[in-house]
Every structure is written in C-alpha cells, then in structure tokens.
Amino acid sequence: MAWPAASDDVGVTACDLYQAAPARATPRRGWPACKGTSGDCGRAGFLAPKLTYPTSQGSCSGLTVVRDVGYVACARGERMYRAVISGSSLTDVQQFFVGTYGRLRTVEPAAGGGLWLTTTNGGDKDSTPNNSDNRIFRVTLGD
C-alpha cells in the first residue's frame, strides 16, 4: 500500500485529498491531472485511489499493515484509520482515537502483536528536558 499526499501537508483548498492506492510501478496515479477522485481520473493508465478523504481528516504520516489490515496515523485529522485489505479493495474502514490524543504521527507494528502509536503535539524543539507533551501508546488489537 502507498499513501501519497495529493497536496501539501495541510492542504490549500477544500478539495485537497489524501489517498490510498496499492503501490505499483504502473499505472500512475495521475497527479496533478487527477487529484483524489476529481479531475481526469478516468484516463487510461491512471490508478484510482481506493480511499480518499478531506485534508482536515488527514495529513497522515504513518502507515503499517498487520494481518492484512492497514493502519494509518493522521496528524491534522487527529485520528487513526483502520481498513481491511481485501484483494485490491479496502473494506470495513473505521476511525479510532478521533481527537482523543491530538495529532497522531507514527503507527508501527509491536512485537507480539498490537501497534505502537505516537503523537506529535509540540514541544521538544529546543532540547529543554521535559517540555514535550508527545506520547507513545501501545495499542492492543483484537483477533
């Protein structure tokens, strides 16, 4: 899976989208002619995204796959997406921790199952000890 940004980190228009599409050498995703699902996305040789959403719900920066399920951490959107990878489709898309922990930066598989999830809420830019409110969480996954 790839999670390429179709705009800058925070987006500049209401139609800025982030998208999920299988990572392949071809076909191309079509940016800038095709942005998310708008524009010239039906052109031959373009690969349409499997999932799109507004920048306000995204600005995602972390992606991992555990047992055929994709997990995506989003900073501006302050949420983690979960989507089952079923063949070439994403199904059962859910959102977790919406606004609960602030900006989510990284999601990684944890040894023995589960996930590591980090925040990026500021602080620690001046090397002053104990001035950061960034956190690391262990997330337990169900079967």
N, C-alpha and C. Protein backbone atom coordinates (compact mmCIF):
# COMPACT_ATOMS: atom_id res chain seq x y z
N MET A 1 0.85 -1.19 0.00
CA MET A 1 0.00 0.00 0.00
C MET A 1 0.88 1.23 0.00
N ALA A 2 0.43 2.26 -0.65
CA ALA A 2 1.12 3.55 -0.63
C ALA A 2 0.14 4.57 -0.12
N TRP A 3 0.65 5.62 0.47
CA TRP A 3 -0.19 6.69 0.97
C TRP A 3 0.38 8.01 0.52
N PRO A 4 0.33 8.30 -0.79
CA PRO A 4 0.93 9.53 -1.29
C PRO A 4 0.03 10.73 -1.03
N ALA A 5 0.59 11.84 -0.65
CA ALA A 5 -0.19 13.06 -0.46
C ALA A 5 -0.46 13.69 -1.81
N ALA A 6 -1.68 14.13 -2.01
CA ALA A 6 -2.04 14.78 -3.26
C ALA A 6 -1.96 16.30 -3.13
N SER A 7 -1.52 16.79 -2.00
CA SER A 7 -1.36 18.22 -1.78
C SER A 7 -0.29 18.40 -0.71
N ASP A 8 -0.10 19.66 -0.27
CA ASP A 8 0.88 19.85 0.79
C ASP A 8 0.34 19.31 2.10
N ASP A 9 1.10 19.45 3.19
CA ASP A 9 0.77 18.81 4.46
C ASP A 9 -0.60 19.19 5.00
N VAL A 10 -0.97 20.46 4.87
CA VAL A 10 -2.25 20.87 5.45
C VAL A 10 -3.29 21.21 4.40
N GLY A 11 -2.95 21.18 3.14
CA GLY A 11 -3.91 21.45 2.09
C GLY A 11 -4.19 22.92 1.93
N VAL A 12 -4.53 23.32 0.72
CA VAL A 12 -4.76 24.73 0.46
C VAL A 12 -6.14 25.00 -0.10
N THR A 13 -6.90 23.98 -0.45
CA THR A 13 -8.25 24.18 -0.95
C THR A 13 -9.16 23.13 -0.35
N ALA A 14 -10.45 23.35 -0.51
CA ALA A 14 -11.42 22.42 0.05
C ALA A 14 -11.36 21.06 -0.60
N CYS A 15 -10.79 20.95 -1.80
CA CYS A 15 -10.78 19.65 -2.47
C CYS A 15 -9.45 18.93 -2.32
N ASP A 16 -8.54 19.44 -1.50
CA ASP A 16 -7.29 18.71 -1.28
C ASP A 16 -7.60 17.40 -0.58
N LEU A 17 -7.09 16.32 -1.13
CA LEU A 17 -7.38 14.99 -0.60
C LEU A 17 -6.10 14.22 -0.40
N TYR A 18 -6.16 13.27 0.48
CA TYR A 18 -5.10 12.28 0.63
C TYR A 18 -5.70 10.97 0.18
N GLN A 19 -4.87 10.08 -0.34
CA GLN A 19 -5.42 8.89 -0.96
C GLN A 19 -4.60 7.66 -0.64
N ALA A 20 -5.28 6.53 -0.67
CA ALA A 20 -4.61 5.24 -0.50
C ALA A 20 -4.77 4.46 -1.80
N ALA A 21 -3.68 3.93 -2.29
CA ALA A 21 -3.72 3.13 -3.51
C ALA A 21 -2.62 2.09 -3.42
N PRO A 22 -2.82 0.93 -4.03
CA PRO A 22 -1.77 -0.08 -4.00
C PRO A 22 -0.48 0.45 -4.62
N ALA A 23 0.64 0.13 -4.02
CA ALA A 23 1.94 0.58 -4.54
C ALA A 23 2.34 -0.33 -5.70
N ARG A 24 2.46 0.26 -6.87
CA ARG A 24 2.86 -0.48 -8.07
C ARG A 24 3.71 0.44 -8.93
N ALA A 25 4.52 -0.15 -9.77
CA ALA A 25 5.32 0.65 -10.68
C ALA A 25 4.43 1.35 -11.70
N THR A 26 3.38 0.67 -12.16
CA THR A 26 2.42 1.26 -13.10
C THR A 26 1.05 0.75 -12.70
N PRO A 27 -0.03 1.35 -13.04
CA PRO A 27 -0.12 2.63 -13.72
C PRO A 27 0.11 3.79 -12.76
N ARG A 28 0.19 4.99 -13.29
CA ARG A 28 0.44 6.14 -12.44
C ARG A 28 -0.86 6.64 -11.82
N ARG A 29 -0.71 7.38 -10.74
CA ARG A 29 -1.87 7.88 -10.01
C ARG A 29 -2.42 9.17 -10.59
N GLY A 30 -1.69 9.80 -11.51
CA GLY A 30 -2.25 10.89 -12.29
C GLY A 30 -2.11 12.29 -11.75
N TRP A 31 -1.50 12.48 -10.59
CA TRP A 31 -1.37 13.82 -10.05
C TRP A 31 -0.47 14.64 -10.95
N PRO A 32 -0.75 15.88 -11.28
CA PRO A 32 -1.84 16.71 -10.76
C PRO A 32 -3.12 16.67 -11.59
N ALA A 33 -3.15 15.97 -12.73
CA ALA A 33 -4.37 15.93 -13.55
C ALA A 33 -5.52 15.28 -12.80
N CYS A 34 -5.21 14.29 -11.99
CA CYS A 34 -6.20 13.58 -11.19
C CYS A 34 -5.83 13.77 -9.73
N LYS A 35 -6.68 14.43 -9.00
CA LYS A 35 -6.42 14.72 -7.59
C LYS A 35 -7.50 14.05 -6.76
N GLY A 36 -7.10 12.99 -6.03
CA GLY A 36 -8.11 12.21 -5.32
C GLY A 36 -9.00 11.53 -6.34
N THR A 37 -10.28 11.82 -6.31
CA THR A 37 -11.20 11.26 -7.30
C THR A 37 -11.74 12.34 -8.23
N SER A 38 -11.17 13.55 -8.18
CA SER A 38 -11.64 14.62 -9.06
C SER A 38 -10.62 14.86 -10.17
N GLY A 39 -11.06 15.53 -11.21
CA GLY A 39 -10.18 15.80 -12.34
C GLY A 39 -10.25 14.68 -13.35
N ASP A 40 -9.15 14.45 -14.04
CA ASP A 40 -9.09 13.50 -15.15
C ASP A 40 -8.70 12.11 -14.65
N CYS A 41 -9.45 11.57 -13.68
CA CYS A 41 -9.09 10.29 -13.06
C CYS A 41 -9.48 9.08 -13.89
N GLY A 42 -10.37 9.26 -14.85
CA GLY A 42 -10.82 8.13 -15.64
C GLY A 42 -9.93 7.83 -16.85
N ARG A 43 -8.86 8.59 -17.00
CA ARG A 43 -7.98 8.42 -18.16
C ARG A 43 -7.26 7.08 -18.10
N ALA A 44 -7.10 6.45 -19.25
CA ALA A 44 -6.40 5.16 -19.32
C ALA A 44 -4.99 5.30 -18.74
N GLY A 45 -4.58 4.31 -17.97
CA GLY A 45 -3.25 4.30 -17.38
C GLY A 45 -3.18 4.90 -15.99
N PHE A 46 -4.26 5.52 -15.51
CA PHE A 46 -4.28 6.06 -14.16
C PHE A 46 -4.88 5.02 -13.21
N LEU A 47 -4.38 4.99 -12.02
CA LEU A 47 -4.90 4.11 -10.99
C LEU A 47 -5.69 4.95 -9.99
N ALA A 48 -6.98 4.73 -9.92
CA ALA A 48 -7.82 5.49 -8.99
C ALA A 48 -7.52 5.09 -7.56
N PRO A 49 -7.57 6.04 -6.63
CA PRO A 49 -7.33 5.71 -5.22
C PRO A 49 -8.43 4.82 -4.67
N LYS A 50 -8.08 4.04 -3.68
CA LYS A 50 -9.04 3.16 -3.02
C LYS A 50 -9.79 3.86 -1.91
N LEU A 51 -9.22 4.94 -1.38
CA LEU A 51 -9.83 5.67 -0.28
C LEU A 51 -9.38 7.11 -0.36
N THR A 52 -10.31 8.04 -0.26
CA THR A 52 -9.96 9.46 -0.19
C THR A 52 -10.74 10.10 0.94
N TYR A 53 -10.22 11.22 1.44
CA TYR A 53 -10.92 11.97 2.48
C TYR A 53 -10.32 13.37 2.50
N PRO A 54 -11.05 14.33 3.06
CA PRO A 54 -10.57 15.72 3.09
C PRO A 54 -9.30 15.86 3.93
N THR A 55 -8.49 16.84 3.60
CA THR A 55 -7.27 17.11 4.33
C THR A 55 -7.54 17.31 5.82
N SER A 56 -8.68 17.92 6.16
CA SER A 56 -9.00 18.16 7.57
C SER A 56 -9.13 16.87 8.37
N GLN A 57 -9.33 15.75 7.67
CA GLN A 57 -9.43 14.46 8.34
C GLN A 57 -8.16 13.63 8.14
N GLY A 58 -7.12 14.26 7.58
CA GLY A 58 -5.93 13.50 7.24
C GLY A 58 -4.63 14.14 7.65
N SER A 59 -3.84 14.55 6.65
CA SER A 59 -2.43 14.90 6.84
C SER A 59 -1.74 13.75 7.54
N CYS A 60 -1.87 12.58 6.92
CA CYS A 60 -1.38 11.35 7.52
C CYS A 60 0.12 11.19 7.29
N SER A 61 0.78 10.57 8.23
CA SER A 61 2.23 10.43 8.12
C SER A 61 2.72 9.04 8.47
N GLY A 62 1.88 8.19 9.01
CA GLY A 62 2.32 6.86 9.39
C GLY A 62 1.40 5.80 8.82
N LEU A 63 1.97 4.72 8.30
CA LEU A 63 1.19 3.62 7.74
C LEU A 63 1.87 2.31 8.08
N THR A 64 1.10 1.34 8.51
CA THR A 64 1.61 -0.01 8.70
C THR A 64 0.51 -1.00 8.36
N VAL A 65 0.91 -2.23 8.08
CA VAL A 65 -0.03 -3.31 7.79
C VAL A 65 0.25 -4.45 8.75
N VAL A 66 -0.80 -4.92 9.43
CA VAL A 66 -0.72 -6.05 10.34
C VAL A 66 -1.85 -7.00 9.99
N ARG A 67 -1.52 -8.23 9.63
CA ARG A 67 -2.51 -9.27 9.30
C ARG A 67 -3.54 -8.78 8.29
N ASP A 68 -3.11 -8.25 7.17
CA ASP A 68 -3.98 -7.78 6.09
C ASP A 68 -4.92 -6.64 6.50
N VAL A 69 -4.52 -5.89 7.49
CA VAL A 69 -5.27 -4.70 7.90
C VAL A 69 -4.30 -3.52 7.89
N GLY A 70 -4.69 -2.43 7.21
CA GLY A 70 -3.87 -1.23 7.17
C GLY A 70 -4.27 -0.27 8.27
N TYR A 71 -3.27 0.32 8.91
CA TYR A 71 -3.48 1.32 9.96
C TYR A 71 -2.74 2.58 9.55
N VAL A 72 -3.41 3.73 9.63
CA VAL A 72 -2.82 4.99 9.20
C VAL A 72 -3.01 6.03 10.30
N ALA A 73 -1.89 6.65 10.73
CA ALA A 73 -1.92 7.70 11.75
C ALA A 73 -1.96 9.06 11.05
N CYS A 74 -2.86 9.94 11.50
CA CYS A 74 -3.04 11.24 10.86
C CYS A 74 -2.85 12.38 11.86
N ALA A 75 -2.04 13.35 11.46
CA ALA A 75 -1.72 14.47 12.34
C ALA A 75 -2.84 15.50 12.37
N ARG A 76 -3.10 16.17 11.26
CA ARG A 76 -4.13 17.22 11.27
C ARG A 76 -5.50 16.63 11.59
N GLY A 77 -5.78 15.46 11.07
CA GLY A 77 -7.07 14.82 11.30
C GLY A 77 -7.23 14.24 12.69
N GLU A 78 -6.13 14.15 13.45
CA GLU A 78 -6.14 13.65 14.83
C GLU A 78 -6.92 12.35 14.96
N ARG A 79 -6.54 11.36 14.15
CA ARG A 79 -7.23 10.08 14.17
C ARG A 79 -6.35 8.99 13.58
N MET A 80 -6.74 7.75 13.81
CA MET A 80 -6.10 6.61 13.16
C MET A 80 -7.17 5.90 12.35
N TYR A 81 -6.86 5.66 11.08
CA TYR A 81 -7.75 4.88 10.22
C TYR A 81 -7.34 3.42 10.26
N ARG A 82 -8.33 2.55 10.15
CA ARG A 82 -8.12 1.11 10.04
C ARG A 82 -8.94 0.64 8.85
N ALA A 83 -8.31 -0.12 7.93
CA ALA A 83 -9.01 -0.62 6.76
C ALA A 83 -8.53 -2.03 6.46
N VAL A 84 -9.47 -2.93 6.25
CA VAL A 84 -9.14 -4.30 5.88
C VAL A 84 -8.76 -4.32 4.41
N ILE A 85 -7.63 -4.95 4.11
CA ILE A 85 -7.17 -5.09 2.73
C ILE A 85 -7.72 -6.40 2.20
N SER A 86 -8.63 -6.30 1.23
CA SER A 86 -9.30 -7.48 0.68
C SER A 86 -9.06 -7.49 -0.83
N GLY A 87 -8.06 -8.25 -1.26
CA GLY A 87 -7.70 -8.25 -2.67
C GLY A 87 -7.18 -6.88 -3.05
N SER A 88 -7.84 -6.23 -4.00
CA SER A 88 -7.42 -4.88 -4.40
C SER A 88 -8.33 -3.80 -3.82
N SER A 89 -9.10 -4.16 -2.79
CA SER A 89 -10.03 -3.22 -2.18
C SER A 89 -9.70 -2.97 -0.71
N LEU A 90 -10.17 -1.84 -0.21
CA LEU A 90 -10.13 -1.54 1.22
C LEU A 90 -11.56 -1.62 1.72
N THR A 91 -11.79 -2.43 2.75
CA THR A 91 -13.14 -2.61 3.28
C THR A 91 -13.15 -2.32 4.77
N ASP A 92 -14.35 -2.22 5.33
CA ASP A 92 -14.54 -2.02 6.76
C ASP A 92 -13.65 -0.89 7.30
N VAL A 93 -13.68 0.26 6.63
CA VAL A 93 -12.87 1.40 7.05
C VAL A 93 -13.46 1.99 8.32
N GLN A 94 -12.61 2.13 9.34
CA GLN A 94 -13.03 2.68 10.63
C GLN A 94 -12.05 3.75 11.08
N GLN A 95 -12.51 4.63 11.96
CA GLN A 95 -11.67 5.66 12.55
C GLN A 95 -11.60 5.45 14.05
N PHE A 96 -10.40 5.62 14.60
CA PHE A 96 -10.20 5.45 16.04
C PHE A 96 -9.48 6.67 16.62
N PHE A 97 -9.68 6.91 17.90
CA PHE A 97 -8.99 7.95 18.67
C PHE A 97 -9.21 9.35 18.10
N VAL A 98 -10.36 9.60 17.46
CA VAL A 98 -10.62 10.89 16.82
C VAL A 98 -10.59 11.99 17.87
N GLY A 99 -9.57 12.84 17.82
CA GLY A 99 -9.42 13.95 18.75
C GLY A 99 -8.99 13.56 20.16
N THR A 100 -8.85 12.28 20.44
CA THR A 100 -8.56 11.81 21.80
C THR A 100 -7.15 12.18 22.25
N TYR A 101 -6.16 11.95 21.41
CA TYR A 101 -4.76 12.17 21.79
C TYR A 101 -4.09 13.29 21.01
N GLY A 102 -4.85 14.00 20.19
CA GLY A 102 -4.27 15.06 19.37
C GLY A 102 -3.70 14.50 18.08
N ARG A 103 -2.62 15.13 17.62
CA ARG A 103 -2.01 14.79 16.32
C ARG A 103 -1.27 13.46 16.41
N LEU A 104 -1.69 12.50 15.59
CA LEU A 104 -1.04 11.18 15.59
C LEU A 104 0.00 11.15 14.47
N ARG A 105 1.22 10.73 14.79
CA ARG A 105 2.32 10.81 13.83
C ARG A 105 2.72 9.46 13.24
N THR A 106 2.95 8.48 14.08
CA THR A 106 3.52 7.22 13.62
C THR A 106 2.70 6.06 14.14
N VAL A 107 2.53 5.05 13.30
CA VAL A 107 1.95 3.79 13.73
C VAL A 107 2.86 2.69 13.20
N GLU A 108 3.26 1.79 14.10
CA GLU A 108 4.20 0.71 13.76
C GLU A 108 3.75 -0.58 14.44
N PRO A 109 4.03 -1.72 13.82
CA PRO A 109 3.69 -2.98 14.49
C PRO A 109 4.55 -3.18 15.73
N ALA A 110 3.95 -3.73 16.77
CA ALA A 110 4.67 -4.03 18.01
C ALA A 110 4.97 -5.52 18.07
N ALA A 111 6.10 -5.86 18.67
CA ALA A 111 6.46 -7.27 18.85
C ALA A 111 5.36 -7.97 19.64
N GLY A 112 5.00 -9.16 19.22
CA GLY A 112 3.98 -9.91 19.92
C GLY A 112 2.57 -9.48 19.58
N GLY A 113 2.40 -8.67 18.56
CA GLY A 113 1.08 -8.20 18.16
C GLY A 113 0.83 -6.80 18.66
N GLY A 114 -0.19 -6.18 18.18
CA GLY A 114 -0.53 -4.82 18.57
C GLY A 114 0.23 -3.79 17.76
N LEU A 115 0.10 -2.55 18.19
CA LEU A 115 0.71 -1.41 17.49
C LEU A 115 1.38 -0.48 18.48
N TRP A 116 2.38 0.25 18.00
CA TRP A 116 2.91 1.43 18.67
C TRP A 116 2.34 2.63 17.94
N LEU A 117 1.84 3.61 18.68
CA LEU A 117 1.24 4.81 18.12
C LEU A 117 1.86 6.02 18.81
N THR A 118 2.35 6.99 18.05
CA THR A 118 2.96 8.18 18.65
C THR A 118 2.18 9.44 18.30
N THR A 119 2.33 10.45 19.13
CA THR A 119 1.72 11.75 18.87
C THR A 119 2.79 12.76 18.47
N THR A 120 2.33 13.88 17.91
CA THR A 120 3.21 14.97 17.51
C THR A 120 2.53 16.29 17.86
N ASN A 121 2.38 16.53 19.16
CA ASN A 121 1.61 17.66 19.64
C ASN A 121 2.44 18.88 20.02
N GLY A 122 3.72 18.84 19.74
CA GLY A 122 4.54 20.01 20.02
C GLY A 122 5.51 19.78 21.15
N GLY A 123 6.31 20.80 21.41
CA GLY A 123 7.33 20.71 22.45
C GLY A 123 8.56 20.00 21.94
N ASP A 124 9.59 19.96 22.75
CA ASP A 124 10.84 19.26 22.49
C ASP A 124 11.57 19.75 21.24
N LYS A 125 11.35 20.99 20.84
CA LYS A 125 12.06 21.55 19.70
C LYS A 125 13.27 22.36 20.14
N ASP A 126 13.42 22.56 21.45
CA ASP A 126 14.51 23.40 21.94
C ASP A 126 15.47 22.64 22.85
N SER A 127 15.38 21.32 22.88
CA SER A 127 16.24 20.45 23.70
C SER A 127 16.11 20.71 25.20
N THR A 128 15.02 21.34 25.62
CA THR A 128 14.76 21.54 27.03
C THR A 128 14.10 20.28 27.58
N PRO A 129 14.67 19.67 28.61
CA PRO A 129 14.11 18.43 29.14
C PRO A 129 12.67 18.61 29.63
N ASN A 130 11.87 17.59 29.44
CA ASN A 130 10.51 17.51 29.98
C ASN A 130 9.56 18.60 29.52
N ASN A 131 9.77 19.16 28.31
CA ASN A 131 8.84 20.19 27.84
C ASN A 131 7.94 19.68 26.72
N SER A 132 7.87 18.38 26.51
CA SER A 132 7.09 17.83 25.42
C SER A 132 5.85 17.12 25.96
N ASP A 133 4.75 17.27 25.23
CA ASP A 133 3.56 16.50 25.58
C ASP A 133 3.33 15.38 24.58
N ASN A 134 4.36 15.06 23.78
CA ASN A 134 4.26 13.94 22.86
C ASN A 134 4.28 12.63 23.64
N ARG A 135 3.53 11.65 23.12
CA ARG A 135 3.37 10.40 23.85
C ARG A 135 3.54 9.20 22.93
N ILE A 136 3.81 8.06 23.51
CA ILE A 136 3.88 6.78 22.82
C ILE A 136 2.88 5.85 23.48
N PHE A 137 2.02 5.24 22.66
CA PHE A 137 0.98 4.34 23.17
C PHE A 137 1.17 2.94 22.61
N ARG A 138 0.84 1.96 23.38
CA ARG A 138 0.76 0.57 22.90
C ARG A 138 -0.72 0.29 22.69
N VAL A 139 -1.09 -0.10 21.48
CA VAL A 139 -2.49 -0.39 21.13
C VAL A 139 -2.64 -1.89 20.99
N THR A 140 -3.59 -2.46 21.71
CA THR A 140 -3.87 -3.89 21.63
C THR A 140 -4.91 -4.13 20.53
N LEU A 141 -4.63 -5.10 19.68
CA LEU A 141 -5.55 -5.42 18.59
C LEU A 141 -6.38 -6.63 18.94
N GLY A 142 -7.64 -6.62 18.49
CA GLY A 142 -8.48 -7.80 18.66
C GLY A 142 -8.14 -8.84 17.60
N ASP A 143 -8.72 -10.00 17.71
CA ASP A 143 -8.47 -11.06 16.72
C ASP A 143 -9.18 -10.85 15.43
